[in-house]
Protein backbone atom coordinates (compact mmCIF):
# COMPACT_ATOMS: atom_id res chain seq x y z
CA UNK A 1 0.00 0.00 0.00
CA UNK A 2 1.42 3.39 -0.98
CA UNK A 3 2.21 5.77 1.84
CA UNK A 4 0.87 9.36 1.78
CA UNK A 5 3.37 11.79 0.29
CA UNK A 6 3.66 13.89 3.48
CA UNK A 7 4.37 10.75 5.56
CA UNK A 8 6.98 9.60 3.04
CA UNK A 9 8.64 13.04 3.07
CA UNK A 10 8.67 13.07 6.89
CA UNK A 11 10.38 9.68 6.98
CA UNK A 12 12.94 10.80 4.41
CA UNK A 13 13.75 13.93 6.40
CA UNK A 14 13.96 11.91 9.62
CA UNK A 15 16.34 9.47 7.94
CA UNK A 16 18.38 12.40 6.61
CA UNK A 17 18.73 13.87 10.11
CA UNK A 18 19.70 10.51 11.62
CA UNK A 19 22.38 10.02 8.96
CA UNK A 20 23.72 13.53 9.71
CA UNK A 21 23.96 12.81 13.42
CA UNK A 22 25.69 9.48 12.77
CA UNK A 23 28.14 11.17 10.38
CA UNK A 24 28.86 13.87 13.00
CA UNK A 25 29.51 11.26 15.67
CA UNK A 26 31.82 9.17 13.46
CA UNK A 27 33.86 12.15 12.31
CA UNK A 28 34.12 13.47 15.87
CA UNK A 29 35.39 10.07 17.00
CA UNK A 30 37.97 9.95 14.20
CA UNK A 31 39.28 13.44 15.02
CA UNK A 32 39.36 12.62 18.74
CA UNK A 33 41.38 9.48 17.97
CA UNK A 34 44.16 11.75 16.67
CA UNK A 35 44.59 13.17 20.18
CA UNK A 36 42.36 16.27 20.07
CA UNK A 37 39.95 17.12 22.86
CA UNK A 38 36.26 16.32 22.44
CA UNK A 39 35.31 20.00 21.98
CA UNK A 40 37.59 20.35 18.95
CA UNK A 41 36.58 16.93 17.61
CA UNK A 42 32.85 17.66 17.96
CA UNK A 43 33.23 21.11 16.42
CA UNK A 44 35.06 19.60 13.45
CA UNK A 45 32.44 16.88 13.01
CA UNK A 46 29.48 19.26 13.37
CA UNK A 47 30.72 21.94 10.95
CA UNK A 48 31.75 19.38 8.31
CA UNK A 49 28.41 17.57 8.67
CA UNK A 50 26.45 20.82 8.25
CA UNK A 51 28.40 21.70 5.10
CA UNK A 52 28.04 18.16 3.74
CA UNK A 53 24.31 18.07 4.55
CA UNK A 54 23.82 21.36 2.72
CA UNK A 55 25.62 19.97 -0.34
CA UNK A 56 23.57 16.75 -0.23
CA UNK A 57 20.34 18.73 0.09
CA UNK A 58 21.35 20.87 -2.88
CA UNK A 59 22.21 17.91 -5.13
CA UNK A 60 19.03 16.10 -4.05
CA UNK A 61 16.86 19.15 -4.72
CA UNK A 62 18.51 19.64 -8.11
CA UNK A 63 17.91 16.01 -9.14
CA UNK A 64 14.29 16.25 -8.09
CA UNK A 65 13.61 18.59 -11.02
CA UNK A 66 16.41 17.60 -13.38
CA UNK A 67 17.17 14.04 -14.37
CA UNK A 68 20.21 13.60 -16.63
CA UNK A 69 19.71 11.71 -19.86
CA UNK A 70 20.79 8.09 -19.87
CA UNK A 71 24.55 7.85 -20.39
CA UNK A 72 25.09 11.57 -19.83
CA UNK A 73 26.30 11.91 -16.25
CA UNK A 74 29.25 14.26 -16.76
CA UNK A 75 27.32 17.28 -15.48
CA UNK A 76 26.42 15.37 -12.31
CA UNK A 77 30.07 14.44 -11.71
CA UNK A 78 31.07 18.09 -12.15
CA UNK A 79 28.39 19.13 -9.69
CA UNK A 80 29.55 16.53 -7.17
CA UNK A 81 33.20 17.61 -7.51
CA UNK A 82 32.31 21.29 -7.16
CA UNK A 83 30.18 20.70 -4.06
CA UNK A 84 32.86 18.48 -2.50
CA UNK A 85 35.43 21.24 -3.08
CA UNK A 86 33.13 23.87 -1.55
CA UNK A 87 32.57 21.70 1.54
CA UNK A 88 36.31 21.04 1.90
CA UNK A 89 37.44 24.64 1.60
CA UNK A 90 34.45 25.86 3.59
CA UNK A 91 35.64 23.74 6.52
CA UNK A 92 39.20 24.97 5.96
CA UNK A 93 38.03 28.57 6.25
CA UNK A 94 35.47 28.20 9.12
CA UNK A 95 37.08 25.69 11.50
CA UNK A 96 40.20 27.71 12.43
CA UNK A 97 37.88 30.37 13.93
CA UNK A 98 36.12 27.83 16.16
CA UNK A 99 38.86 25.31 16.99
CA UNK A 100 42.13 27.13 17.47
CA UNK A 101 45.63 25.81 17.94
CA UNK A 102 48.61 25.28 15.62
CA UNK A 103 48.40 21.48 15.97
CA UNK A 104 44.79 21.38 14.87
CA UNK A 105 45.40 23.86 12.03
CA UNK A 106 48.24 21.68 10.71
CA UNK A 107 46.02 18.60 11.03
CA UNK A 108 43.24 20.39 9.18
CA UNK A 109 45.50 21.41 6.28
CA UNK A 110 47.05 17.94 5.99
CA UNK A 111 43.63 16.28 5.94
CA UNK A 112 42.11 18.43 3.18
CA UNK A 113 42.74 15.80 0.49
CA UNK A 114 41.08 12.98 2.40
CA UNK A 115 38.25 15.34 3.38
CA UNK A 116 37.67 16.20 -0.29
CA UNK A 117 37.44 12.58 -1.39
CA UNK A 118 35.25 11.68 1.60
CA UNK A 119 32.89 14.53 0.73
CA UNK A 120 32.99 13.51 -2.95
CA UNK A 121 31.97 9.95 -2.09
CA UNK A 122 29.24 11.04 0.33
CA UNK A 123 27.73 13.53 -2.13
CA UNK A 124 28.10 10.95 -4.91
CA UNK A 125 26.16 8.39 -2.89
CA UNK A 126 23.48 10.98 -2.23
CA UNK A 127 23.29 11.80 -5.94
CA UNK A 128 23.01 8.15 -6.90
CA UNK A 129 20.28 7.47 -4.33
CA UNK A 130 18.39 10.58 -5.45
CA UNK A 131 18.59 9.62 -9.13
CA UNK A 132 17.30 6.12 -8.39
CA UNK A 133 14.54 7.38 -6.10
CA UNK A 134 13.25 10.11 -8.40
CA UNK A 135 13.56 7.99 -11.52
CA UNK A 136 11.38 5.36 -9.81
CA UNK A 137 8.86 8.05 -8.90
CA UNK A 138 8.83 9.27 -12.50
CA UNK A 139 8.41 5.70 -13.72
CA UNK A 140 5.49 5.12 -11.37
CA UNK A 141 3.87 8.39 -12.47
CA UNK A 142 4.36 7.47 -16.13
CA UNK A 143 2.89 4.01 -15.56
CA UNK A 144 -0.06 5.54 -13.73
CA UNK A 145 -0.69 8.04 -16.53
CA UNK A 146 -0.32 5.27 -19.13
CA UNK A 147 -2.77 3.05 -17.23
CA UNK A 148 -5.25 5.93 -16.96
CA UNK A 149 -4.89 6.70 -20.67
CA UNK A 150 -5.41 3.03 -21.56
CA UNK A 151 -8.43 2.86 -19.26
CA UNK A 152 -9.93 5.93 -20.94
CA UNK A 153 -9.28 4.38 -24.34
CA UNK A 154 -10.93 1.12 -23.26
CA UNK A 155 -13.93 2.99 -21.86
CA UNK A 156 -14.26 4.98 -25.08
CA UNK A 157 -14.08 1.84 -27.21
CA UNK A 158 -16.58 -0.01 -25.03
CA UNK A 159 -18.92 2.96 -25.27
CA UNK A 160 -18.46 3.04 -29.04
CA UNK A 161 -19.26 -0.69 -29.29
CA UNK A 162 -22.41 -0.18 -27.30
CA UNK A 163 -23.47 2.82 -29.38
CA UNK A 164 -23.09 0.71 -32.52
CA UNK A 165 -25.10 -2.15 -31.03
CA UNK A 166 -28.11 -0.22 -29.75
CA UNK A 167 -29.10 1.59 -32.98
CA UNK A 168 -28.73 -1.70 -34.89
CA UNK A 169 -31.30 -3.40 -32.66
CA UNK A 170 -33.48 -0.29 -32.40
CA UNK A 171 -33.82 0.10 -36.18
CA UNK A 172 -34.82 -3.55 -36.55
CA UNK A 173 -37.45 -3.22 -33.82
CA UNK A 174 -38.89 0.02 -35.24
CA UNK A 175 -39.16 -1.57 -38.68
CA UNK A 176 -41.07 -4.48 -37.14
CA UNK A 177 -43.37 -2.11 -35.25
CA UNK A 178 -44.02 -0.21 -38.45
CA UNK A 179 -44.95 -3.47 -40.20
CA UNK A 180 -47.33 -4.48 -37.37
CA UNK A 181 -49.16 -1.18 -37.04
CA UNK A 182 -51.34 -1.74 -40.06
CA UNK A 183 -52.73 -5.23 -39.40
CA UNK A 184 -51.78 -6.02 -35.77
CA UNK A 185 -52.02 -2.73 -33.84
CA UNK A 186 -52.36 -4.46 -30.45
CA UNK A 187 -49.12 -6.37 -30.97
CA UNK A 188 -47.44 -3.19 -32.21
CA UNK A 189 -48.44 -1.37 -29.00
CA UNK A 190 -47.27 -4.30 -26.89
CA UNK A 191 -43.95 -4.33 -28.72
CA UNK A 192 -43.54 -0.57 -28.12
CA UNK A 193 -44.01 -1.12 -24.37
CA UNK A 194 -41.53 -4.00 -24.39
CA UNK A 195 -39.02 -1.98 -26.35
CA UNK A 196 -39.42 0.90 -23.90
CA UNK A 197 -38.77 -1.41 -20.91
CA UNK A 198 -35.76 -2.96 -22.66
CA UNK A 199 -34.15 0.38 -23.56
CA UNK A 200 -34.84 1.80 -20.08
CA UNK A 201 -32.96 -1.12 -18.53
CA UNK A 202 -30.17 -0.82 -21.10
CA UNK A 203 -29.57 2.87 -20.40
CA UNK A 204 -29.09 2.15 -16.68
CA UNK A 205 -26.34 -0.36 -17.29
CA UNK A 206 -22.62 0.35 -17.37
CA UNK A 207 -20.42 -1.37 -19.96
CA UNK A 208 -18.01 -2.54 -17.25
CA UNK A 209 -20.66 -3.39 -14.65
CA UNK A 210 -20.70 -7.01 -13.52
CA UNK A 211 -24.23 -8.40 -13.04
CA UNK A 212 -25.50 -11.82 -11.92
CA UNK A 213 -26.47 -14.18 -14.73
CA UNK A 214 -30.05 -14.31 -13.44
CA UNK A 215 -30.36 -10.54 -13.84
CA UNK A 216 -28.81 -10.71 -17.31
CA UNK A 217 -31.30 -13.42 -18.33
CA UNK A 218 -34.20 -11.34 -17.03
CA UNK A 219 -33.12 -8.45 -19.24
CA UNK A 220 -32.51 -10.84 -22.14
CA UNK A 221 -36.09 -12.12 -21.89
CA UNK A 222 -37.32 -8.58 -22.59
CA UNK A 223 -35.33 -8.64 -25.81
CA UNK A 224 -36.64 -12.12 -26.69
CA UNK A 225 -40.24 -11.01 -26.11
CA UNK A 226 -39.70 -8.25 -28.67
CA UNK A 227 -38.19 -10.66 -31.17
CA UNK A 228 -41.02 -13.16 -30.66
CA UNK A 229 -43.49 -10.45 -31.60
CA UNK A 230 -41.48 -9.86 -34.78
CA UNK A 231 -41.13 -13.51 -35.78
CA UNK A 232 -44.18 -15.08 -34.13
CA UNK A 233 -44.28 -18.83 -33.66
CA UNK A 234 -41.12 -19.34 -35.77
CA UNK A 235 -38.88 -18.26 -32.89
CA UNK A 236 -38.61 -20.54 -29.89
CA UNK A 237 -36.02 -20.37 -27.11
CA UNK A 238 -34.63 -22.78 -24.57
CA UNK A 239 -32.80 -21.31 -21.59
CA UNK A 240 -31.18 -23.48 -18.95
CA UNK A 241 -28.74 -22.67 -16.15
CA UNK A 242 -28.14 -24.29 -12.79
CA UNK A 243 -28.32 -22.51 -9.45
CA UNK A 244 -24.54 -22.17 -9.17
CA UNK A 245 -24.14 -20.51 -12.56
CA UNK A 246 -27.12 -18.26 -11.84
CA UNK A 247 -25.12 -16.52 -9.11
CA UNK A 248 -22.07 -16.07 -11.34
CA UNK A 249 -21.40 -12.58 -12.73
CA UNK A 250 -20.71 -11.37 -16.24
CA UNK A 251 -20.44 -8.00 -18.01
CA UNK A 252 -23.89 -6.50 -18.54
CA UNK A 253 -25.51 -6.81 -21.98
CA UNK A 254 -23.08 -9.54 -23.03
CA UNK A 255 -25.64 -12.18 -24.05
CA UNK A 256 -27.96 -9.99 -26.11
CA UNK A 257 -25.68 -9.60 -29.17
CA UNK A 258 -24.95 -13.35 -29.09
CA UNK A 259 -28.65 -14.19 -29.15
CA UNK A 260 -29.29 -11.54 -31.80
CA UNK A 261 -26.62 -13.16 -33.96
CA UNK A 262 -28.23 -16.58 -33.40
CA UNK A 263 -31.64 -15.24 -34.44
CA UNK A 264 -30.15 -13.58 -37.50
CA UNK A 265 -28.46 -16.76 -38.73
CA UNK A 266 -31.27 -19.04 -37.60
CA UNK A 267 -34.38 -17.26 -38.91
CA UNK A 268 -33.08 -15.24 -41.85
CA UNK A 269 -31.43 -18.19 -43.60
CA UNK A 270 -33.72 -21.12 -42.75
CA UNK A 271 -37.34 -22.13 -43.29
CA UNK A 272 -39.66 -23.25 -40.53
CA UNK A 273 -39.50 -23.01 -36.75
CA UNK A 274 -36.16 -22.22 -35.15
CA UNK A 275 -35.04 -23.07 -31.63
CA UNK A 276 -32.32 -20.89 -30.10
CA UNK A 277 -30.71 -22.65 -27.16
CA UNK A 278 -28.96 -20.81 -24.32
CA UNK A 279 -27.14 -22.84 -21.67
CA UNK A 280 -24.90 -21.81 -18.79
CA UNK A 281 -22.76 -23.81 -16.38
CA UNK A 282 -19.79 -23.33 -14.09
CA UNK A 283 -16.46 -24.90 -14.96
CA UNK A 284 -13.83 -24.15 -12.34
CA UNK A 285 -13.51 -20.38 -12.05
CA UNK A 286 -15.26 -19.76 -15.36
CA UNK A 287 -18.88 -19.17 -16.27
CA UNK A 288 -19.36 -21.08 -19.55
CA UNK A 289 -22.25 -19.90 -21.74
CA UNK A 290 -23.30 -21.60 -24.97
CA UNK A 291 -25.68 -20.19 -27.57
CA UNK A 292 -26.78 -22.54 -30.37
CA UNK A 293 -28.95 -22.02 -33.44
CA UNK A 294 -29.61 -23.94 -36.64
CA UNK A 295 -28.27 -22.59 -39.93
CA UNK A 296 -28.39 -23.48 -43.58
CA UNK A 297 -24.83 -23.94 -44.92
CA UNK A 298 -26.11 -23.19 -48.44
CA UNK A 299 -27.25 -19.68 -47.60
CA UNK A 300 -25.05 -18.61 -44.67
CA UNK A 301 -21.36 -18.81 -43.92
CA UNK A 302 -20.95 -18.87 -40.14
CA UNK A 303 -17.42 -20.22 -40.32
CA UNK A 304 -16.29 -17.01 -41.93
CA UNK A 305 -18.38 -14.62 -40.14
CA UNK A 306 -18.88 -13.46 -36.72
CA UNK A 307 -20.58 -10.25 -37.85
CA UNK A 308 -20.55 -7.09 -35.76
CA UNK A 309 -22.35 -8.73 -32.82
CA UNK A 310 -19.81 -11.48 -32.20
CA UNK A 311 -16.83 -9.31 -33.10
CA UNK A 312 -18.11 -6.73 -30.65
CA UNK A 313 -18.46 -9.31 -27.87
CA UNK A 314 -14.98 -10.70 -28.52
CA UNK A 315 -13.49 -7.22 -28.52
CA UNK A 316 -15.34 -6.32 -25.33
CA UNK A 317 -14.08 -9.45 -23.56
CA UNK A 318 -10.54 -8.56 -24.57
CA UNK A 319 -10.89 -4.98 -23.32
CA UNK A 320 -12.27 -6.15 -19.98
CA UNK A 321 -10.07 -9.21 -19.35
CA UNK A 322 -7.09 -8.69 -21.72
CA UNK A 323 -7.58 -12.16 -23.23
CA UNK A 324 -8.40 -13.31 -26.74
CA UNK A 325 -9.32 -16.90 -25.87
CA UNK A 326 -12.65 -16.28 -24.11
CA UNK A 327 -14.89 -16.79 -27.14
CA UNK A 328 -15.04 -19.50 -29.79
CA UNK A 329 -17.49 -20.53 -32.49
CA UNK A 330 -18.23 -23.90 -34.13
CA UNK A 331 -20.41 -24.95 -37.03
CA UNK A 332 -21.26 -28.67 -37.11
CA UNK A 333 -24.28 -30.66 -38.35
CA UNK A 334 -26.18 -27.51 -39.37
CA UNK A 335 -25.84 -26.15 -35.80
CA UNK A 336 -23.91 -22.96 -35.16
CA UNK A 337 -22.50 -22.76 -31.61
CA UNK A 338 -21.01 -19.78 -29.81
CA UNK A 339 -19.21 -20.40 -26.52
CA UNK A 340 -17.92 -17.69 -24.21
CA UNK A 341 -16.02 -18.05 -20.94
CA UNK A 342 -16.28 -15.33 -18.30
CA UNK A 343 -13.59 -15.44 -15.56
CA UNK A 344 -14.98 -15.15 -12.06
CA UNK A 345 -12.49 -12.73 -10.49
């Protein structure tokens, strides 16, 4: 779980202060080991630590807003060398005023070289840690922005798929209503009410909403009632699902284009009554749904075609689950079968 930014900053500053105190103590101990009193040793350690901390803060603050290009670290090395030199000569100029004595002054001058390289290494470590830390932050921000952009693209495409599906069904239904008005006005009115209920339920659903299969089948029956008014006794349906699969969830409005495709292939290209079969069962962590319809191989080509409805479903499954293996179609013995698998996350 990500920590709040203010808490992370507080911990970083606390760690920075602890490191400064440890550095002061170690340097004071080293100077004291050369025979100087604790006052001189502590003054040396404190002043050098303050100068070094200032340099580390400066290099860290600079790298927060400026990240060198990959393979181009010469400017950073120059910065580190310049800051190490400033710390070294700053201590050379300040310490004689606070810790007097010819022995200490000689020690200070003789130790300038080792002080420079120590400062260079310390600032270098700080620079390296800062570059790694801020580059990781930038990477996380970039990944977050990329994920948000991809999510927006997926949402836009899902919305576009839905907008293509609804007018297609709506135009077919309105044409049927228009045909019924003249000789079956009662059925036309009933179909208008059914269409109104179906569209009202459709508008309330979200493309990424997961709904129980029982709820999806209830909404699907509204669609089937409309189609049965259009096709009369020719269209018959068989729906079967066990109690376990009924509680499984799936993306809303996923079955309707599959059934619409089955009706299209079954009734448009065959003569006589047509039975569209819809079955659902659980298989491990997957909800398996099968839609079957008869077809005439002389007038339709289901092996080639999945039409917009099936292509839209396959694309939607990919956008939601990032998998291309969740839908398959078969055409055997004049029966066209569509099978989809919905992972139960």
